Amino acid sequence: MSACTDGNCEIAVTEPVTIRFPAPDDAGRATLSVTKVGPNEIEYEVRSGNNRSTGGAEGPGQGCLTYLRDRGSGNSCGALDPTRPTPRPGAVVIQATTGTDGTALLHIVSP
């Protein structure tokens, strides 16, 4: 998806998709692969260099935040507000939020 080539975007997805964007600290390209999306559910994987992180959420208003850094990543899942997350120094923030109609909302926010 070309909308995320600069590492800052908001995308609604209804089916599996792969999105490429700049990795943190100019470490090349990172990949977000949505592997499953449906009513109130989403599953995805993020890869950057040797780093790999997976996330998934089920239920209304649920989602995950992934913080991708040049030397690792971390996830936090649970109830989320679907608004755009705040940029973090040295990290790309990925937020995936479920939707009742089978549309998940993805945010990618670069520093």
Protein backbone atom coordinates (compact mmCIF):
# COMPACT_ATOMS: atom_id res chain seq x y z
CA MET A 1 0.00 0.00 0.00
CA SER A 2 1.55 3.23 -1.14
CA ALA A 3 -0.31 5.29 1.51
CA CYS A 4 2.26 4.25 4.14
CA THR A 5 5.50 4.68 2.23
CA ASP A 6 6.48 7.60 4.49
CA GLY A 7 5.70 5.68 7.71
CA ASN A 8 2.65 7.77 8.70
CA CYS A 9 -0.82 6.63 7.70
CA GLU A 10 -4.29 5.51 8.68
CA ILE A 11 -5.84 2.63 6.73
CA ALA A 12 -9.10 0.72 7.05
CA VAL A 13 -8.69 -2.95 6.04
CA THR A 14 -11.27 -5.66 5.43
CA GLU A 15 -8.96 -8.46 4.28
CA PRO A 16 -5.36 -9.61 4.73
CA VAL A 17 -2.85 -7.08 3.42
CA THR A 18 0.89 -6.37 3.58
CA ILE A 19 2.15 -2.84 4.18
CA ARG A 20 5.79 -1.74 3.85
CA PHE A 21 7.11 1.35 5.60
CA PRO A 22 10.44 2.82 6.85
CA ALA A 23 11.92 0.97 9.84
CA PRO A 24 13.04 2.98 12.88
CA ASP A 25 16.39 4.80 12.79
CA ASP A 26 16.82 4.36 9.02
CA ALA A 27 17.20 0.58 9.41
CA GLY A 28 15.69 -0.15 5.99
CA ARG A 29 12.10 -1.24 5.45
CA ALA A 30 9.66 -2.84 7.86
CA THR A 31 6.61 -4.94 6.99
CA LEU A 32 3.19 -5.14 8.62
CA SER A 33 1.22 -8.19 7.47
CA VAL A 34 -2.42 -8.39 8.50
CA THR A 35 -3.11 -12.13 8.48
CA LYS A 36 -6.71 -12.17 9.69
CA VAL A 37 -9.45 -9.55 9.88
CA GLY A 38 -13.17 -9.93 10.57
CA PRO A 39 -15.96 -8.65 12.77
CA ASN A 40 -14.30 -7.65 16.05
CA GLU A 41 -10.99 -9.38 15.28
CA ILE A 42 -7.57 -8.73 13.83
CA GLU A 43 -4.25 -10.62 13.73
CA TYR A 44 -0.98 -9.30 12.34
CA GLU A 45 2.79 -9.67 12.24
CA VAL A 46 5.45 -6.95 12.07
CA ARG A 47 8.97 -7.61 10.76
CA SER A 48 11.97 -5.30 10.70
CA GLY A 49 15.46 -6.67 10.20
CA ASN A 50 15.78 -9.56 12.67
CA ASN A 51 12.88 -8.27 14.81
CA ARG A 52 9.49 -9.95 14.64
CA SER A 53 6.35 -9.20 16.65
CA THR A 54 2.82 -10.60 16.42
CA GLY A 55 -0.42 -9.17 17.74
CA GLY A 56 -4.07 -10.04 17.75
CA ALA A 57 -7.28 -8.92 19.38
CA GLU A 58 -10.89 -10.10 19.54
CA GLY A 59 -13.94 -8.24 20.75
CA PRO A 60 -15.58 -4.84 20.33
CA GLY A 61 -13.20 -1.93 20.92
CA GLN A 62 -10.16 -4.20 21.26
CA GLY A 63 -6.80 -3.76 19.61
CA CYS A 64 -3.04 -3.85 19.94
CA LEU A 65 -0.19 -1.36 20.01
CA THR A 66 3.21 -2.44 18.72
CA TYR A 67 6.29 -0.34 19.40
CA LEU A 68 8.95 -1.12 16.81
CA ARG A 69 12.48 0.04 17.67
CA ASP A 70 15.81 -0.58 15.95
CA ARG A 71 16.76 -3.13 18.64
CA GLY A 72 13.47 -4.83 19.40
CA SER A 73 9.74 -4.48 19.63
CA GLY A 74 6.92 -4.89 22.11
CA ASN A 75 3.15 -5.33 22.12
CA SER A 76 0.30 -4.30 24.36
CA CYS A 77 -3.24 -5.51 23.63
CA GLY A 78 -6.63 -4.73 25.15
CA ALA A 79 -9.32 -2.04 24.99
CA LEU A 80 -8.17 0.80 22.72
CA ASP A 81 -9.46 4.13 21.53
CA PRO A 82 -9.31 4.05 17.69
CA THR A 83 -7.72 7.52 17.51
CA ARG A 84 -4.22 8.01 16.17
CA PRO A 85 -1.50 7.08 18.70
CA THR A 86 1.13 9.59 19.81
CA PRO A 87 4.54 9.50 18.08
CA ARG A 88 7.40 8.10 20.22
CA PRO A 89 11.07 9.07 19.82
CA GLY A 90 13.07 6.29 18.17
CA ALA A 91 10.03 4.05 17.60
CA VAL A 92 7.42 3.37 14.97
CA VAL A 93 4.05 2.91 16.67
CA ILE A 94 1.56 0.55 15.04
CA GLN A 95 -2.02 0.44 16.29
CA ALA A 96 -4.57 -2.09 15.06
CA THR A 97 -8.16 -1.71 16.28
CA THR A 98 -11.06 -4.10 15.62
CA GLY A 99 -14.33 -3.02 14.03
CA THR A 100 -17.81 -4.49 14.48
CA ASP A 101 -18.42 -4.54 10.72
CA GLY A 102 -15.25 -6.52 9.88
CA THR A 103 -13.18 -3.42 9.09
CA ALA A 104 -10.05 -2.98 11.18
CA LEU A 105 -8.37 0.40 11.52
CA LEU A 106 -4.56 0.54 11.28
CA HIS A 107 -2.37 3.48 12.26
CA ILE A 108 1.35 3.63 11.57
CA VAL A 109 3.06 6.58 13.28
CA SER A 110 6.76 7.33 12.80
CA PRO A 111 8.80 9.66 15.02
